[in-house]
Amino acid sequence: MISKEEVKHLASLARIELTEAEETKLQHDLAAMFDHFEELKEINTDTVEPMAGGSVLTNQFRNDEDATNRVANSAALKAFPESASGLLKVPPVFSSEGGSAAGRE
């Protein structure tokens, strides 16, 4: 069983404050988890091959493509209200005073 001191130490490492009731609950929850780990240790895995990951799937990569002027020639650029040098102009997201600029127009 995990001690109250160990629970307090874990809480300090996680930088969380626990009430006495929360410490007791966490102590019992951690003990139950550790008991489960002990049960798992008893399982015979001699015939199970080790795995490096949880899946046999692999990532599918693509080659990088030059994206310059992709928007410049598109209908999106022509339909956008404002643009400059092939870029879409949007209203500011943050104000000069800091925080959100939404609704400050």
Foldseek 3Di string as FASTA:
>chain_A
DDDLVVLVVVCVVVVHDDDPVRSVVVVVVVVVVVVVVVVVVPDDCPPPDDDPDDDPDDDDDDDDDDCPLVQVPDVVCVPAPDDDPSGGDDDDQADPVGDGCPPVD
